[in-house]
Amino acid sequence: MAALSLLPPALDLLLAVALLLTAWRALYTRALFPAVVFFVAFGMLLALAWMRLEAPDVALAEAAIGAGLTGALLMAAVARLRGRDEDKP
């Protein structure tokens, strides 16, 4: 039973490290598409962090707006930018 009491702090630490690494990769990736993918992954990890903090309403809003809607808009913007680059001779 003592091993189970160490599990939540270990999960929180793993989640914090994953959030930091994902944020770093989203900020310092030069290509646009991988940066957006890392941004969406960061939003989903942040929603999981809000669930761990027992704030399901904030987690749902983060997943829907932060990762879902914003991610979709950024993906559409990247697709439009790629279309412009292909039009140039």
N, C-alpha and C. Protein backbone atom coordinates (compact mmCIF):
# COMPACT_ATOMS: atom_id res chain seq x y z
N MET A 1 0.81 -1.19 0.00
CA MET A 1 0.00 0.00 0.00
C MET A 1 0.86 1.26 0.00
N ALA A 2 2.07 1.17 0.50
CA ALA A 2 2.95 2.33 0.54
C ALA A 2 3.36 2.76 -0.87
N ALA A 3 3.46 1.81 -1.78
CA ALA A 3 3.83 2.15 -3.16
C ALA A 3 2.73 2.95 -3.85
N LEU A 4 1.48 2.68 -3.50
CA LEU A 4 0.37 3.42 -4.11
C LEU A 4 0.34 4.87 -3.64
N SER A 5 0.81 5.14 -2.44
CA SER A 5 0.81 6.52 -1.96
C SER A 5 1.86 7.37 -2.68
N LEU A 6 2.86 6.74 -3.29
CA LEU A 6 3.87 7.48 -4.05
C LEU A 6 3.44 7.73 -5.49
N LEU A 7 2.40 7.04 -5.94
CA LEU A 7 1.99 7.16 -7.33
C LEU A 7 1.48 8.56 -7.71
N PRO A 8 0.56 9.17 -6.96
CA PRO A 8 0.10 10.51 -7.37
C PRO A 8 1.20 11.56 -7.45
N PRO A 9 2.12 11.66 -6.48
CA PRO A 9 3.19 12.65 -6.67
C PRO A 9 4.09 12.34 -7.87
N ALA A 10 4.31 11.07 -8.13
CA ALA A 10 5.12 10.70 -9.29
C ALA A 10 4.39 11.08 -10.59
N LEU A 11 3.08 10.87 -10.64
CA LEU A 11 2.31 11.27 -11.82
C LEU A 11 2.33 12.79 -12.00
N ASP A 12 2.20 13.51 -10.90
CA ASP A 12 2.24 14.97 -10.99
C ASP A 12 3.60 15.46 -11.48
N LEU A 13 4.65 14.85 -10.99
CA LEU A 13 6.00 15.23 -11.44
C LEU A 13 6.19 14.91 -12.92
N LEU A 14 5.74 13.73 -13.33
CA LEU A 14 5.84 13.34 -14.74
C LEU A 14 5.03 14.29 -15.62
N LEU A 15 3.85 14.67 -15.15
CA LEU A 15 3.00 15.60 -15.91
C LEU A 15 3.66 16.98 -16.01
N ALA A 16 4.25 17.44 -14.92
CA ALA A 16 4.93 18.74 -14.94
C ALA A 16 6.11 18.75 -15.90
N VAL A 17 6.89 17.67 -15.89
CA VAL A 17 8.03 17.58 -16.80
C VAL A 17 7.55 17.50 -18.25
N ALA A 18 6.49 16.73 -18.49
CA ALA A 18 5.94 16.63 -19.84
C ALA A 18 5.41 17.98 -20.32
N LEU A 19 4.77 18.73 -19.43
CA LEU A 19 4.29 20.06 -19.80
C LEU A 19 5.44 20.99 -20.17
N LEU A 20 6.48 20.98 -19.37
CA LEU A 20 7.63 21.84 -19.65
C LEU A 20 8.32 21.47 -20.97
N LEU A 21 8.51 20.18 -21.19
CA LEU A 21 9.17 19.74 -22.43
C LEU A 21 8.31 20.05 -23.66
N THR A 22 7.02 19.82 -23.55
CA THR A 22 6.14 20.08 -24.68
C THR A 22 6.06 21.58 -24.98
N ALA A 23 6.01 22.39 -23.94
CA ALA A 23 6.00 23.85 -24.16
C ALA A 23 7.30 24.30 -24.80
N TRP A 24 8.41 23.77 -24.34
CA TRP A 24 9.71 24.13 -24.92
C TRP A 24 9.77 23.75 -26.39
N ARG A 25 9.29 22.54 -26.71
CA ARG A 25 9.31 22.10 -28.11
C ARG A 25 8.38 22.94 -28.97
N ALA A 26 7.22 23.32 -28.43
CA ALA A 26 6.29 24.15 -29.20
C ALA A 26 6.88 25.52 -29.49
N LEU A 27 7.62 26.06 -28.55
CA LEU A 27 8.19 27.40 -28.73
C LEU A 27 9.42 27.41 -29.63
N TYR A 28 10.23 26.37 -29.57
CA TYR A 28 11.52 26.40 -30.26
C TYR A 28 11.59 25.49 -31.49
N THR A 29 10.46 24.97 -31.95
CA THR A 29 10.44 24.21 -33.19
C THR A 29 10.34 25.20 -34.34
N ARG A 30 11.21 25.06 -35.33
CA ARG A 30 11.23 26.02 -36.44
C ARG A 30 10.10 25.79 -37.45
N ALA A 31 9.75 24.54 -37.70
CA ALA A 31 8.70 24.24 -38.66
C ALA A 31 7.33 24.52 -38.02
N LEU A 32 6.41 25.02 -38.81
CA LEU A 32 5.11 25.43 -38.28
C LEU A 32 4.23 24.25 -37.88
N PHE A 33 4.14 23.25 -38.73
CA PHE A 33 3.24 22.13 -38.44
C PHE A 33 3.61 21.41 -37.15
N PRO A 34 4.88 21.02 -36.94
CA PRO A 34 5.21 20.38 -35.65
C PRO A 34 4.98 21.31 -34.46
N ALA A 35 5.17 22.61 -34.64
CA ALA A 35 4.92 23.55 -33.54
C ALA A 35 3.45 23.54 -33.15
N VAL A 36 2.57 23.48 -34.13
CA VAL A 36 1.13 23.43 -33.84
C VAL A 36 0.78 22.10 -33.17
N VAL A 37 1.37 21.02 -33.62
CA VAL A 37 1.12 19.71 -33.00
C VAL A 37 1.56 19.73 -31.54
N PHE A 38 2.72 20.30 -31.27
CA PHE A 38 3.18 20.40 -29.88
C PHE A 38 2.27 21.32 -29.07
N PHE A 39 1.75 22.38 -29.69
CA PHE A 39 0.83 23.27 -28.99
C PHE A 39 -0.44 22.53 -28.59
N VAL A 40 -0.99 21.73 -29.49
CA VAL A 40 -2.19 20.96 -29.19
C VAL A 40 -1.90 19.93 -28.10
N ALA A 41 -0.75 19.26 -28.19
CA ALA A 41 -0.37 18.30 -27.16
C ALA A 41 -0.21 18.99 -25.81
N PHE A 42 0.34 20.20 -25.81
CA PHE A 42 0.48 20.97 -24.58
C PHE A 42 -0.90 21.27 -23.99
N GLY A 43 -1.84 21.64 -24.83
CA GLY A 43 -3.19 21.92 -24.36
C GLY A 43 -3.86 20.71 -23.74
N MET A 44 -3.65 19.54 -24.35
CA MET A 44 -4.24 18.32 -23.79
C MET A 44 -3.58 17.94 -22.47
N LEU A 45 -2.26 18.10 -22.39
CA LEU A 45 -1.57 17.83 -21.13
C LEU A 45 -2.01 18.81 -20.05
N LEU A 46 -2.23 20.05 -20.44
CA LEU A 46 -2.69 21.05 -19.47
C LEU A 46 -4.10 20.72 -18.99
N ALA A 47 -4.94 20.22 -19.88
CA ALA A 47 -6.28 19.78 -19.45
C ALA A 47 -6.17 18.63 -18.45
N LEU A 48 -5.24 17.73 -18.69
CA LEU A 48 -5.01 16.64 -17.74
C LEU A 48 -4.52 17.17 -16.40
N ALA A 49 -3.68 18.19 -16.43
CA ALA A 49 -3.21 18.80 -15.19
C ALA A 49 -4.37 19.45 -14.43
N TRP A 50 -5.28 20.09 -15.14
CA TRP A 50 -6.44 20.68 -14.47
C TRP A 50 -7.31 19.59 -13.86
N MET A 51 -7.41 18.44 -14.53
CA MET A 51 -8.17 17.33 -13.94
C MET A 51 -7.51 16.83 -12.67
N ARG A 52 -6.18 16.76 -12.66
CA ARG A 52 -5.45 16.34 -11.46
C ARG A 52 -5.67 17.34 -10.32
N LEU A 53 -5.90 18.61 -10.65
CA LEU A 53 -6.16 19.64 -9.65
C LEU A 53 -7.64 19.71 -9.27
N GLU A 54 -8.41 18.75 -9.77
CA GLU A 54 -9.85 18.62 -9.49
C GLU A 54 -10.63 19.85 -9.95
N ALA A 55 -10.32 20.30 -11.14
CA ALA A 55 -11.06 21.40 -11.77
C ALA A 55 -11.56 20.94 -13.14
N PRO A 56 -12.59 20.07 -13.15
CA PRO A 56 -13.03 19.51 -14.43
C PRO A 56 -13.61 20.55 -15.38
N ASP A 57 -14.21 21.61 -14.85
CA ASP A 57 -14.76 22.64 -15.73
C ASP A 57 -13.66 23.37 -16.50
N VAL A 58 -12.58 23.68 -15.81
CA VAL A 58 -11.45 24.35 -16.47
C VAL A 58 -10.77 23.38 -17.43
N ALA A 59 -10.68 22.10 -17.05
CA ALA A 59 -10.07 21.10 -17.91
C ALA A 59 -10.86 20.94 -19.21
N LEU A 60 -12.17 20.92 -19.10
CA LEU A 60 -13.01 20.79 -20.29
C LEU A 60 -12.87 22.01 -21.19
N ALA A 61 -12.85 23.19 -20.59
CA ALA A 61 -12.67 24.41 -21.38
C ALA A 61 -11.31 24.43 -22.06
N GLU A 62 -10.27 24.01 -21.35
CA GLU A 62 -8.92 23.97 -21.93
C GLU A 62 -8.85 22.99 -23.09
N ALA A 63 -9.46 21.82 -22.91
CA ALA A 63 -9.43 20.82 -23.98
C ALA A 63 -10.22 21.30 -25.20
N ALA A 64 -11.39 21.89 -24.96
CA ALA A 64 -12.24 22.31 -26.08
C ALA A 64 -11.71 23.55 -26.77
N ILE A 65 -11.38 24.57 -26.00
CA ILE A 65 -10.97 25.84 -26.59
C ILE A 65 -9.47 25.89 -26.82
N GLY A 66 -8.70 25.59 -25.78
CA GLY A 66 -7.25 25.73 -25.86
C GLY A 66 -6.61 24.78 -26.84
N ALA A 67 -6.99 23.52 -26.78
CA ALA A 67 -6.38 22.54 -27.67
C ALA A 67 -7.20 22.35 -28.94
N GLY A 68 -8.51 22.20 -28.80
CA GLY A 68 -9.35 21.87 -29.94
C GLY A 68 -9.55 23.00 -30.93
N LEU A 69 -10.22 24.05 -30.50
CA LEU A 69 -10.56 25.15 -31.40
C LEU A 69 -9.33 25.92 -31.87
N THR A 70 -8.47 26.28 -30.93
CA THR A 70 -7.27 27.03 -31.31
C THR A 70 -6.35 26.18 -32.17
N GLY A 71 -6.22 24.90 -31.84
CA GLY A 71 -5.41 24.00 -32.66
C GLY A 71 -5.93 23.89 -34.08
N ALA A 72 -7.25 23.79 -34.21
CA ALA A 72 -7.84 23.69 -35.55
C ALA A 72 -7.61 24.98 -36.34
N LEU A 73 -7.75 26.12 -35.69
CA LEU A 73 -7.51 27.40 -36.37
C LEU A 73 -6.05 27.54 -36.79
N LEU A 74 -5.14 27.12 -35.92
CA LEU A 74 -3.72 27.19 -36.28
C LEU A 74 -3.38 26.22 -37.41
N MET A 75 -3.99 25.04 -37.41
CA MET A 75 -3.77 24.08 -38.51
C MET A 75 -4.27 24.67 -39.83
N ALA A 76 -5.42 25.32 -39.80
CA ALA A 76 -5.95 25.94 -41.01
C ALA A 76 -5.02 27.06 -41.49
N ALA A 77 -4.48 27.82 -40.56
CA ALA A 77 -3.55 28.89 -40.94
C ALA A 77 -2.28 28.32 -41.56
N VAL A 78 -1.77 27.23 -41.00
CA VAL A 78 -0.57 26.60 -41.56
C VAL A 78 -0.87 26.07 -42.96
N ALA A 79 -2.05 25.50 -43.15
CA ALA A 79 -2.42 24.99 -44.48
C ALA A 79 -2.51 26.13 -45.49
N ARG A 80 -3.05 27.26 -45.08
CA ARG A 80 -3.14 28.41 -46.00
C ARG A 80 -1.76 28.97 -46.31
N LEU A 81 -0.87 28.98 -45.32
CA LEU A 81 0.49 29.46 -45.56
C LEU A 81 1.23 28.54 -46.51
N ARG A 82 1.03 27.25 -46.37
CA ARG A 82 1.68 26.30 -47.29
C ARG A 82 1.15 26.47 -48.70
N GLY A 83 -0.13 26.77 -48.83
CA GLY A 83 -0.72 26.99 -50.15
C GLY A 83 -0.12 28.21 -50.83
N ARG A 84 0.17 29.25 -50.09
CA ARG A 84 0.78 30.45 -50.65
C ARG A 84 2.21 30.19 -51.09
N ASP A 85 2.94 29.39 -50.32
CA ASP A 85 4.32 29.09 -50.68
C ASP A 85 4.39 28.27 -51.96
N GLU A 86 3.40 27.40 -52.19
CA GLU A 86 3.40 26.57 -53.39
C GLU A 86 3.02 27.38 -54.63
N ASP A 87 2.27 28.48 -54.46
CA ASP A 87 1.85 29.31 -55.59
C ASP A 87 3.00 30.12 -56.17
N LYS A 88 4.00 30.41 -55.38
CA LYS A 88 5.13 31.22 -55.86
C LYS A 88 5.99 30.41 -56.82
N PRO A 89 6.47 31.06 -57.90
CA PRO A 89 7.31 30.32 -58.87
C PRO A 89 8.70 30.09 -58.36
